[in-house]
C-alpha cells in the first residue's frame, strides 16, 4: 500500500541559496543549545564551580536536604533552576537598623 502526499518536491541542493541554508543551520543549532541547557544537570562538582563553593559543601547540603536537587539513579544532580534557587535563597539583606550605612 503506497501513501500519496501533497508535499512539494524537494529542490536540488544547487538551487538553494547558500546564505539561506547557513542561516537555517544556525537557527537549528541554537534551538538544540536551548533545549540542552534546559534539561542539563550538574554534578555537585560542576554546581560548586557555579556557586563559588567547594564540592564538599554542595554534597553536605544535599545530604542535609538544605538545597534542592534531583536524583538520577543514585546520583544527586542539580539543574540550573536548583542552582538559581540556592543563589536567590542565600541572599541576606541588611537590617534597617544596621549601624553601618551601605556603600554608595
PDB file of N, CA and C in Angstrom:
ATOM      1  N   UNK A   1       0.842  -1.171   0.000  1.00  0.00           N
ATOM      2  CA  UNK A   1       0.000   0.000   0.000  1.00  0.00           C
ATOM      3  C   UNK A   1       0.884   1.230   0.000  1.00  0.00           C
ATOM      4  N   UNK A   2       0.735   2.080  -0.973  1.00  0.00           N
ATOM      5  CA  UNK A   2       1.530   3.296  -1.053  1.00  0.00           C
ATOM      6  C   UNK A   2       0.703   4.466  -0.554  1.00  0.00           C
ATOM      7  N   UNK A   3       1.414   5.416  -0.014  1.00  0.00           N
ATOM      8  CA  UNK A   3       0.752   6.578   0.566  1.00  0.00           C
ATOM      9  C   UNK A   3       1.018   7.783  -0.310  1.00  0.00           C
ATOM     10  N   UNK A   4      -0.017   8.478  -0.704  1.00  0.00           N
ATOM     11  CA  UNK A   4       0.133   9.663  -1.536  1.00  0.00           C
ATOM     12  C   UNK A   4       0.131  10.893  -0.636  1.00  0.00           C
ATOM     13  N   UNK A   5       1.076  11.780  -0.887  1.00  0.00           N
ATOM     14  CA  UNK A   5       1.144  13.027  -0.128  1.00  0.00           C
ATOM     15  C   UNK A   5       1.125  14.195  -1.091  1.00  0.00           C
ATOM     16  N   UNK A   6       0.795  15.334  -0.564  1.00  0.00           N
ATOM     17  CA  UNK A   6       0.751  16.535  -1.395  1.00  0.00           C
ATOM     18  C   UNK A   6       1.943  17.442  -1.126  1.00  0.00           C
ATOM     19  N   UNK A   7       3.046  16.857  -0.707  1.00  0.00           N
ATOM     20  CA  UNK A   7       4.239  17.654  -0.426  1.00  0.00           C
ATOM     21  C   UNK A   7       4.870  18.130  -1.728  1.00  0.00           C
ATOM     22  N   UNK A   8       5.379  19.343  -1.676  1.00  0.00           N
ATOM     23  CA  UNK A   8       6.066  19.898  -2.850  1.00  0.00           C
ATOM     24  C   UNK A   8       7.378  19.158  -3.028  1.00  0.00           C
ATOM     25  N   UNK A   9       7.857  19.070  -4.242  1.00  0.00           N
ATOM     26  CA  UNK A   9       9.133  18.387  -4.460  1.00  0.00           C
ATOM     27  C   UNK A   9      10.275  19.127  -3.760  1.00  0.00           C
ATOM     28  N   UNK A  10      11.241  18.362  -3.292  1.00  0.00           N
ATOM     29  CA  UNK A  10      12.404  18.938  -2.622  1.00  0.00           C
ATOM     30  C   UNK A  10      13.323  19.530  -3.683  1.00  0.00           C
ATOM     31  N   UNK A  11      13.722  20.800  -3.519  1.00  0.00           N
ATOM     32  CA  UNK A  11      14.596  21.414  -4.520  1.00  0.00           C
ATOM     33  C   UNK A  11      15.993  20.798  -4.472  1.00  0.00           C
ATOM     34  N   UNK A  12      16.678  20.878  -5.587  1.00  0.00           N
ATOM     35  CA  UNK A  12      18.061  20.402  -5.647  1.00  0.00           C
ATOM     36  C   UNK A  12      18.926  21.277  -4.763  1.00  0.00           C
ATOM     37  N   UNK A  13      20.003  20.695  -4.241  1.00  0.00           N
ATOM     38  CA  UNK A  13      20.928  21.459  -3.410  1.00  0.00           C
ATOM     39  C   UNK A  13      21.554  22.609  -4.177  1.00  0.00           C
ATOM     40  N   UNK A  14      21.692  22.477  -5.487  1.00  0.00           N
ATOM     41  CA  UNK A  14      22.296  23.534  -6.291  1.00  0.00           C
ATOM     42  C   UNK A  14      21.418  24.769  -6.329  1.00  0.00           C
ATOM     43  N   UNK A  15      20.116  24.592  -6.179  1.00  0.00           N
ATOM     44  CA  UNK A  15      19.195  25.721  -6.263  1.00  0.00           C
ATOM     45  C   UNK A  15      19.041  26.473  -4.943  1.00  0.00           C
ATOM     46  N   UNK A  16      19.492  25.888  -3.826  1.00  0.00           N
ATOM     47  CA  UNK A  16      19.355  26.545  -2.537  1.00  0.00           C
ATOM     48  C   UNK A  16      20.369  27.672  -2.402  1.00  0.00           C
ATOM     49  N   UNK A  17      19.916  28.772  -1.871  1.00  0.00           N
ATOM     50  CA  UNK A  17      20.810  29.890  -1.606  1.00  0.00           C
ATOM     51  C   UNK A  17      21.711  29.512  -0.428  1.00  0.00           C
ATOM     52  N   UNK A  18      23.016  29.671  -0.581  1.00  0.00           N
ATOM     53  CA  UNK A  18      23.968  29.250   0.450  1.00  0.00           C
ATOM     54  C   UNK A  18      23.754  30.012   1.760  1.00  0.00           C
ATOM     55  N   UNK A  19      23.471  31.303   1.686  1.00  0.00           N
ATOM     56  CA  UNK A  19      23.289  32.078   2.915  1.00  0.00           C
ATOM     57  C   UNK A  19      22.011  31.663   3.634  1.00  0.00           C
ATOM     58  N   UNK A  20      20.966  31.321   2.876  1.00  0.00           N
ATOM     59  CA  UNK A  20      19.722  30.863   3.479  1.00  0.00           C
ATOM     60  C   UNK A  20      19.943  29.536   4.209  1.00  0.00           C
ATOM     61  N   UNK A  21      20.657  28.640   3.579  1.00  0.00           N
ATOM     62  CA  UNK A  21      20.952  27.353   4.181  1.00  0.00           C
ATOM     63  C   UNK A  21      21.793  27.531   5.445  1.00  0.00           C
ATOM     64  N   UNK A  22      22.767  28.427   5.391  1.00  0.00           N
ATOM     65  CA  UNK A  22      23.622  28.674   6.551  1.00  0.00           C
ATOM     66  C   UNK A  22      22.805  29.251   7.706  1.00  0.00           C
ATOM     67  N   UNK A  23      21.892  30.169   7.430  1.00  0.00           N
ATOM     68  CA  UNK A  23      21.038  30.750   8.471  1.00  0.00           C
ATOM     69  C   UNK A  23      20.130  29.685   9.083  1.00  0.00           C
ATOM     70  N   UNK A  24      19.616  28.802   8.247  1.00  0.00           N
ATOM     71  CA  UNK A  24      18.764  27.727   8.729  1.00  0.00           C
ATOM     72  C   UNK A  24      19.532  26.789   9.660  1.00  0.00           C
ATOM     73  N   UNK A  25      20.756  26.445   9.281  1.00  0.00           N
ATOM     74  CA  UNK A  25      21.593  25.570  10.105  1.00  0.00           C
ATOM     75  C   UNK A  25      21.871  26.232  11.450  1.00  0.00           C
ATOM     76  N   UNK A  26      22.195  27.528  11.454  1.00  0.00           N
ATOM     77  CA  UNK A  26      22.449  28.238  12.708  1.00  0.00           C
ATOM     78  C   UNK A  26      21.214  28.267  13.595  1.00  0.00           C
ATOM     79  N   UNK A  27      20.052  28.478  12.998  1.00  0.00           N
ATOM     80  CA  UNK A  27      18.804  28.521  13.770  1.00  0.00           C
ATOM     81  C   UNK A  27      18.532  27.177  14.440  1.00  0.00           C
ATOM     82  N   UNK A  28      18.738  26.098  13.717  1.00  0.00           N
ATOM     83  CA  UNK A  28      18.518  24.758  14.281  1.00  0.00           C
ATOM     84  C   UNK A  28      19.531  24.478  15.388  1.00  0.00           C
ATOM     85  N   UNK A  29      20.775  24.875  15.201  1.00  0.00           N
ATOM     86  CA  UNK A  29      21.790  24.674  16.237  1.00  0.00           C
ATOM     87  C   UNK A  29      21.440  25.451  17.496  1.00  0.00           C
ATOM     88  N   UNK A  30      20.935  26.686  17.354  1.00  0.00           N
ATOM     89  CA  UNK A  30      20.543  27.479  18.518  1.00  0.00           C
ATOM     90  C   UNK A  30      19.395  26.822  19.272  1.00  0.00           C
ATOM     91  N   UNK A  31      18.449  26.231  18.569  1.00  0.00           N
ATOM     92  CA  UNK A  31      17.358  25.521  19.225  1.00  0.00           C
ATOM     93  C   UNK A  31      17.886  24.351  20.040  1.00  0.00           C
ATOM     94  N   UNK A  32      18.832  23.631  19.490  1.00  0.00           N
ATOM     95  CA  UNK A  32      19.424  22.481  20.171  1.00  0.00           C
ATOM     96  C   UNK A  32      20.131  22.931  21.439  1.00  0.00           C
ATOM     97  N   UNK A  33      20.861  24.044  21.385  1.00  0.00           N
ATOM     98  CA  UNK A  33      21.580  24.549  22.553  1.00  0.00           C
ATOM     99  C   UNK A  33      20.598  24.928  23.649  1.00  0.00           C
ATOM    100  N   UNK A  34      19.477  25.590  23.283  1.00  0.00           N
ATOM    101  CA  UNK A  34      18.487  25.979  24.289  1.00  0.00           C
ATOM    102  C   UNK A  34      17.861  24.758  24.952  1.00  0.00           C
ATOM    103  N   UNK A  35      17.553  23.741  24.197  1.00  0.00           N
ATOM    104  CA  UNK A  35      16.962  22.527  24.758  1.00  0.00           C
ATOM    105  C   UNK A  35      17.960  21.840  25.672  1.00  0.00           C
ATOM    106  N   UNK A  36      19.223  21.764  25.256  1.00  0.00           N
ATOM    107  CA  UNK A  36      20.248  21.131  26.084  1.00  0.00           C
ATOM    108  C   UNK A  36      20.409  21.864  27.410  1.00  0.00           C
ATOM    109  N   UNK A  37      20.392  23.198  27.382  1.00  0.00           N
ATOM    110  CA  UNK A  37      20.555  23.973  28.612  1.00  0.00           C
ATOM    111  C   UNK A  37      19.380  23.761  29.553  1.00  0.00           C
ATOM    112  N   UNK A  38      18.203  23.559  29.000  1.00  0.00           N
ATOM    113  CA  UNK A  38      17.010  23.379  29.815  1.00  0.00           C
ATOM    114  C   UNK A  38      17.018  22.054  30.560  1.00  0.00           C
ATOM    115  N   UNK A  39      17.531  21.004  29.948  1.00  0.00           N
ATOM    116  CA  UNK A  39      17.482  19.684  30.574  1.00  0.00           C
ATOM    117  C   UNK A  39      18.831  19.239  31.136  1.00  0.00           C
ATOM    118  N   UNK A  40      19.846  20.066  31.040  1.00  0.00           N
ATOM    119  CA  UNK A  40      21.170  19.692  31.525  1.00  0.00           C
ATOM    120  C   UNK A  40      21.164  19.609  33.045  1.00  0.00           C
ATOM    121  N   UNK A  41      21.858  18.644  33.573  1.00  0.00           N
ATOM    122  CA  UNK A  41      22.029  18.530  35.015  1.00  0.00           C
ATOM    123  C   UNK A  41      23.511  18.669  35.347  1.00  0.00           C
ATOM    124  N   UNK A  42      23.775  19.111  36.566  1.00  0.00           N
ATOM    125  CA  UNK A  42      25.139  19.360  37.006  1.00  0.00           C
ATOM    126  C   UNK A  42      25.485  18.444  38.167  1.00  0.00           C
ATOM    127  N   UNK A  43      26.699  17.939  38.147  1.00  0.00           N
ATOM    128  CA  UNK A  43      27.196  17.154  39.279  1.00  0.00           C
ATOM    129  C   UNK A  43      27.465  18.127  40.427  1.00  0.00           C
ATOM    130  N   UNK A  44      27.625  17.635  41.645  1.00  0.00           N
ATOM    131  CA  UNK A  44      27.970  18.533  42.746  1.00  0.00           C
ATOM    132  C   UNK A  44      29.244  19.345  42.468  1.00  0.00           C
ATOM    133  N   UNK A  45      30.210  18.747  41.779  1.00  0.00           N
ATOM    134  CA  UNK A  45      31.444  19.484  41.460  1.00  0.00           C
ATOM    135  C   UNK A  45      31.161  20.628  40.488  1.00  0.00           C
ATOM    136  N   UNK A  46      30.348  20.361  39.461  1.00  0.00           N
ATOM    137  CA  UNK A  46      30.000  21.412  38.500  1.00  0.00           C
ATOM    138  C   UNK A  46      29.186  22.516  39.175  1.00  0.00           C
ATOM    139  N   UNK A  47      28.229  22.121  39.996  1.00  0.00           N
ATOM    140  CA  UNK A  47      27.397  23.100  40.697  1.00  0.00           C
ATOM    141  C   UNK A  47      28.249  23.947  41.636  1.00  0.00           C
ATOM    142  N   UNK A  48      29.216  23.320  42.289  1.00  0.00           N
ATOM    143  CA  UNK A  48      30.092  24.054  43.209  1.00  0.00           C
ATOM    144  C   UNK A  48      30.863  25.138  42.472  1.00  0.00           C
ATOM    145  N   UNK A  49      31.324  24.843  41.260  1.00  0.00           N
ATOM    146  CA  UNK A  49      32.034  25.851  40.471  1.00  0.00           C
ATOM    147  C   UNK A  49      31.131  27.040  40.168  1.00  0.00           C
ATOM    148  N   UNK A  50      29.875  26.784  39.852  1.00  0.00           N
ATOM    149  CA  UNK A  50      28.937  27.866  39.555  1.00  0.00           C
ATOM    150  C   UNK A  50      28.606  28.690  40.801  1.00  0.00           C
ATOM    151  N   UNK A  51      28.600  28.022  41.952  1.00  0.00           N
ATOM    152  CA  UNK A  51      28.237  28.699  43.195  1.00  0.00           C
ATOM    153  C   UNK A  51      29.432  29.314  43.921  1.00  0.00           C
ATOM    154  N   UNK A  52      30.633  28.995  43.467  1.00  0.00           N
ATOM    155  CA  UNK A  52      31.821  29.502  44.152  1.00  0.00           C
ATOM    156  C   UNK A  52      32.054  28.823  45.486  1.00  0.00           C
ATOM    157  N   UNK A  53      31.614  27.576  45.595  1.00  0.00           N
ATOM    158  CA  UNK A  53      31.778  26.804  46.824  1.00  0.00           C
ATOM    159  C   UNK A  53      32.584  25.548  46.500  1.00  0.00           C
ATOM    160  N   UNK A  54      32.844  24.751  47.528  1.00  0.00           N
ATOM    161  CA  UNK A  54      33.564  23.503  47.306  1.00  0.00           C
ATOM    162  C   UNK A  54      32.564  22.392  46.991  1.00  0.00           C
ATOM    163  N   UNK A  55      33.051  21.351  46.361  1.00  0.00           N
ATOM    164  CA  UNK A  55      32.214  20.185  46.081  1.00  0.00           C
ATOM    165  C   UNK A  55      31.711  19.574  47.387  1.00  0.00           C
ATOM    166  N   UNK A  56      32.564  19.580  48.404  1.00  0.00           N
ATOM    167  CA  UNK A  56      32.198  19.034  49.706  1.00  0.00           C
ATOM    168  C   UNK A  56      31.010  19.800  50.296  1.00  0.00           C
ATOM    169  N   UNK A  57      31.013  21.126  50.165  1.00  0.00           N
ATOM    170  CA  UNK A  57      29.907  21.935  50.688  1.00  0.00           C
ATOM    171  C   UNK A  57      28.589  21.561  50.009  1.00  0.00           C
ATOM    172  N   UNK A  58      28.631  21.449  48.679  1.00  0.00           N
ATOM    173  CA  UNK A  58      27.419  21.099  47.927  1.00  0.00           C
ATOM    174  C   UNK A  58      26.935  19.713  48.336  1.00  0.00           C
ATOM    175  N   UNK A  59      27.852  18.756  48.442  1.00  0.00           N
ATOM    176  CA  UNK A  59      27.484  17.394  48.827  1.00  0.00           C
ATOM    177  C   UNK A  59      26.869  17.368  50.229  1.00  0.00           C
ATOM    178  N   UNK A  60      27.458  18.107  51.164  1.00  0.00           N
ATOM    179  CA  UNK A  60      26.910  18.155  52.527  1.00  0.00           C
ATOM    180  C   UNK A  60      25.510  18.759  52.536  1.00  0.00           C
ATOM    181  N   UNK A  61      25.295  19.815  51.763  1.00  0.00           N
ATOM    182  CA  UNK A  61      23.977  20.457  51.722  1.00  0.00           C
ATOM    183  C   UNK A  61      22.929  19.524  51.108  1.00  0.00           C
ATOM    184  N   UNK A  62      23.349  18.736  50.129  1.00  0.00           N
ATOM    185  CA  UNK A  62      22.436  17.751  49.538  1.00  0.00           C
ATOM    186  C   UNK A  62      22.073  16.704  50.587  1.00  0.00           C
ATOM    187  N   UNK A  63      23.083  16.214  51.321  1.00  0.00           N
ATOM    188  CA  UNK A  63      22.831  15.191  52.340  1.00  0.00           C
ATOM    189  C   UNK A  63      21.950  15.718  53.473  1.00  0.00           C
ATOM    190  N   UNK A  64      22.116  17.005  53.811  1.00  0.00           N
ATOM    191  CA  UNK A  64      21.299  17.615  54.860  1.00  0.00           C
ATOM    192  C   UNK A  64      19.903  17.974  54.363  1.00  0.00           C
ATOM    193  N   UNK A  65      19.746  18.047  53.057  1.00  0.00           N
ATOM    194  CA  UNK A  65      18.454  18.413  52.485  1.00  0.00           C
ATOM    195  C   UNK A  65      18.174  19.902  52.533  1.00  0.00           C
ATOM    196  N   UNK A  66      19.212  20.719  52.581  1.00  0.00           N
ATOM    197  CA  UNK A  66      19.017  22.170  52.665  1.00  0.00           C
ATOM    198  C   UNK A  66      18.990  22.851  51.302  1.00  0.00           C
ATOM    199  N   UNK A  67      19.379  22.145  50.261  1.00  0.00           N
ATOM    200  CA  UNK A  67      19.284  22.696  48.905  1.00  0.00           C
ATOM    201  C   UNK A  67      18.523  21.700  48.024  1.00  0.00           C
ATOM    202  N   UNK A  68      17.835  22.207  47.011  1.00  0.00           N
ATOM    203  CA  UNK A  68      17.088  21.300  46.138  1.00  0.00           C
ATOM    204  C   UNK A  68      18.024  20.536  45.209  1.00  0.00           C
ATOM    205  N   UNK A  69      17.638  19.327  44.870  1.00  0.00           N
ATOM    206  CA  UNK A  69      18.409  18.507  43.941  1.00  0.00           C
ATOM    207  C   UNK A  69      17.501  17.433  43.411  1.00  0.00           C
ATOM    208  N   UNK A  70      17.973  16.702  42.442  1.00  0.00           N
ATOM    209  CA  UNK A  70      17.241  15.562  41.901  1.00  0.00           C
ATOM    210  C   UNK A  70      18.190  14.382  41.860  1.00  0.00           C
ATOM    211  N   UNK A  71      17.636  13.214  41.849  1.00  0.00           N
ATOM    212  CA  UNK A  71      18.478  12.022  41.729  1.00  0.00           C
ATOM    213  C   UNK A  71      18.226  11.381  40.381  1.00  0.00           C
ATOM    214  N   UNK A  72      19.304  11.045  39.724  1.00  0.00           N
ATOM    215  CA  UNK A  72      19.233  10.260  38.503  1.00  0.00           C
ATOM    216  C   UNK A  72      19.876   8.929  38.882  1.00  0.00           C
ATOM    217  N   UNK A  73      19.042   7.955  39.108  1.00  0.00           N
ATOM    218  CA  UNK A  73      19.523   6.704  39.705  1.00  0.00           C
ATOM    219  C   UNK A  73      19.856   7.004  41.153  1.00  0.00           C
ATOM    220  N   UNK A  74      21.081   6.722  41.544  1.00  0.00           N
ATOM    221  CA  UNK A  74      21.510   7.017  42.912  1.00  0.00           C
ATOM    222  C   UNK A  74      22.348   8.290  42.984  1.00  0.00           C
ATOM    223  N   UNK A  75      22.580   8.911  41.843  1.00  0.00           N
ATOM    224  CA  UNK A  75      23.475  10.056  41.781  1.00  0.00           C
ATOM    225  C   UNK A  75      22.721  11.373  41.932  1.00  0.00           C
ATOM    226  N   UNK A  76      23.106  12.213  42.895  1.00  0.00           N
ATOM    227  CA  UNK A  76      22.450  13.509  43.031  1.00  0.00           C
ATOM    228  C   UNK A  76      22.917  14.467  41.925  1.00  0.00           C
ATOM    229  N   UNK A  77      21.980  15.193  41.368  1.00  0.00           N
ATOM    230  CA  UNK A  77      22.275  16.170  40.319  1.00  0.00           C
ATOM    231  C   UNK A  77      21.500  17.445  40.600  1.00  0.00           C
ATOM    232  N   UNK A  78      22.022  18.562  40.132  1.00  0.00           N
ATOM    233  CA  UNK A  78      21.344  19.842  40.255  1.00  0.00           C
ATOM    234  C   UNK A  78      21.064  20.390  38.866  1.00  0.00           C
ATOM    235  N   UNK A  79      19.908  21.019  38.712  1.00  0.00           N
ATOM    236  CA  UNK A  79      19.580  21.684  37.456  1.00  0.00           C
ATOM    237  C   UNK A  79      19.933  23.156  37.593  1.00  0.00           C
ATOM    238  N   UNK A  80      19.844  23.879  36.497  1.00  0.00           N
ATOM    239  CA  UNK A  80      20.094  25.323  36.541  1.00  0.00           C
ATOM    240  C   UNK A  80      19.101  26.000  37.475  1.00  0.00           C
ATOM    241  N   UNK A  81      17.872  25.498  37.504  1.00  0.00           N
ATOM    242  CA  UNK A  81      16.848  26.034  38.389  1.00  0.00           C
ATOM    243  C   UNK A  81      17.231  25.832  39.861  1.00  0.00           C
ATOM    244  N   UNK A  82      17.793  24.683  40.186  1.00  0.00           N
ATOM    245  CA  UNK A  82      18.230  24.428  41.561  1.00  0.00           C
ATOM    246  C   UNK A  82      19.351  25.383  41.952  1.00  0.00           C
ATOM    247  N   UNK A  83      20.286  25.598  41.045  1.00  0.00           N
ATOM    248  CA  UNK A  83      21.415  26.495  41.333  1.00  0.00           C
ATOM    249  C   UNK A  83      20.912  27.921  41.531  1.00  0.00           C
ATOM    250  N   UNK A  84      19.964  28.353  40.687  1.00  0.00           N
ATOM    251  CA  UNK A  84      19.375  29.690  40.864  1.00  0.00           C
ATOM    252  C   UNK A  84      18.675  29.803  42.222  1.00  0.00           C
ATOM    253  N   UNK A  85      17.990  28.740  42.638  1.00  0.00           N
ATOM    254  CA  UNK A  85      17.307  28.738  43.926  1.00  0.00           C
ATOM    255  C   UNK A  85      18.300  28.954  45.059  1.00  0.00           C
ATOM    256  N   UNK A  86      19.428  28.273  45.010  1.00  0.00           N
ATOM    257  CA  UNK A  86      20.452  28.410  46.055  1.00  0.00           C
ATOM    258  C   UNK A  86      20.949  29.850  46.104  1.00  0.00           C
ATOM    259  N   UNK A  87      21.182  30.433  44.941  1.00  0.00           N
ATOM    260  CA  UNK A  87      21.680  31.815  44.890  1.00  0.00           C
ATOM    261  C   UNK A  87      20.634  32.776  45.446  1.00  0.00           C
ATOM    262  N   UNK A  88      19.384  32.633  45.009  1.00  0.00           N
ATOM    263  CA  UNK A  88      18.322  33.549  45.433  1.00  0.00           C
ATOM    264  C   UNK A  88      18.002  33.408  46.920  1.00  0.00           C
ATOM    265  N   UNK A  89      17.992  32.201  47.427  1.00  0.00           N
ATOM    266  CA  UNK A  89      17.618  31.993  48.824  1.00  0.00           C
ATOM    267  C   UNK A  89      18.777  32.192  49.793  1.00  0.00           C
ATOM    268  N   UNK A  90      19.953  32.397  49.285  1.00  0.00           N
ATOM    269  CA  UNK A  90      21.089  32.676  50.156  1.00  0.00           C
ATOM    270  C   UNK A  90      21.278  34.173  50.383  1.00  0.00           C
ATOM    271  N   UNK A  91      20.450  34.974  49.723  1.00  0.00           N
ATOM    272  CA  UNK A  91      20.591  36.423  49.831  1.00  0.00           C
ATOM    273  C   UNK A  91      20.197  36.904  51.221  1.00  0.00           C
ATOM    274  N   UNK A  92      21.017  37.776  51.780  1.00  0.00           N
ATOM    275  CA  UNK A  92      20.737  38.368  53.088  1.00  0.00           C
ATOM    276  C   UNK A  92      20.746  39.880  52.916  1.00  0.00           C
ATOM    277  N   UNK A  93      19.628  40.487  53.252  1.00  0.00           N
ATOM    278  CA  UNK A  93      19.519  41.941  53.150  1.00  0.00           C
ATOM    279  C   UNK A  93      19.931  42.561  54.479  1.00  0.00           C
ATOM    280  N   UNK A  94      20.569  43.739  54.438  1.00  0.00           N
ATOM    281  CA  UNK A  94      20.964  44.368  55.699  1.00  0.00           C
ATOM    282  C   UNK A  94      19.728  44.801  56.495  1.00  0.00           C
ATOM    283  N   UNK A  95      19.847  44.728  57.791  1.00  0.00           N
ATOM    284  CA  UNK A  95      18.760  45.138  58.679  1.00  0.00           C
ATOM    285  C   UNK A  95      18.618  46.651  58.613  1.00  0.00           C
ATOM    286  N   UNK A  96      17.396  47.152  58.755  1.00  0.00           N
ATOM    287  CA  UNK A  96      17.186  48.596  58.629  1.00  0.00           C
ATOM    288  C   UNK A  96      17.847  49.379  59.762  1.00  0.00           C
ATOM    289  N   UNK A  97      18.172  48.712  60.867  1.00  0.00           N
ATOM    290  CA  UNK A  97      18.847  49.387  61.979  1.00  0.00           C
ATOM    291  C   UNK A  97      20.338  49.079  62.006  1.00  0.00           C
ATOM    292  N   UNK A  98      20.866  48.668  60.881  1.00  0.00           N
ATOM    293  CA  UNK A  98      22.290  48.353  60.796  1.00  0.00           C
ATOM    294  C   UNK A  98      23.109  49.596  61.107  1.00  0.00           C
ATOM    295  N   UNK A  99      24.162  49.468  61.936  1.00  0.00           N
ATOM    296  CA  UNK A  99      24.938  50.655  62.326  1.00  0.00           C
ATOM    297  C   UNK A  99      25.764  51.237  61.175  1.00  0.00           C
ATOM    298  N   UNK A 100      26.065  50.432  60.179  1.00  0.00           N
ATOM    299  CA  UNK A 100      26.901  50.921  59.065  1.00  0.00           C
ATOM    300  C   UNK A 100      26.017  51.189  57.861  1.00  0.00           C
ATOM    301  N   UNK A 101      26.115  52.380  57.268  1.00  0.00           N
ATOM    302  CA  UNK A 101      25.345  52.642  56.044  1.00  0.00           C
ATOM    303  C   UNK A 101      25.922  51.857  54.871  1.00  0.00           C
ATOM    304  N   UNK A 102      25.069  51.590  53.931  1.00  0.00           N
ATOM    305  CA  UNK A 102      25.529  50.882  52.731  1.00  0.00           C
ATOM    306  C   UNK A 102      26.465  51.771  51.930  1.00  0.00           C
ATOM    307  N   UNK A 103      27.477  51.181  51.326  1.00  0.00           N
ATOM    308  CA  UNK A 103      28.414  51.934  50.491  1.00  0.00           C
ATOM    309  C   UNK A 103      27.695  52.395  49.237  1.00  0.00           C
ATOM    310  N   UNK A 104      27.998  53.591  48.804  1.00  0.00           N
ATOM    311  CA  UNK A 104      27.335  54.144  47.614  1.00  0.00           C
ATOM    312  C   UNK A 104      28.009  53.717  46.354  1.00  0.00           C
TER     313      UNK A 104
END
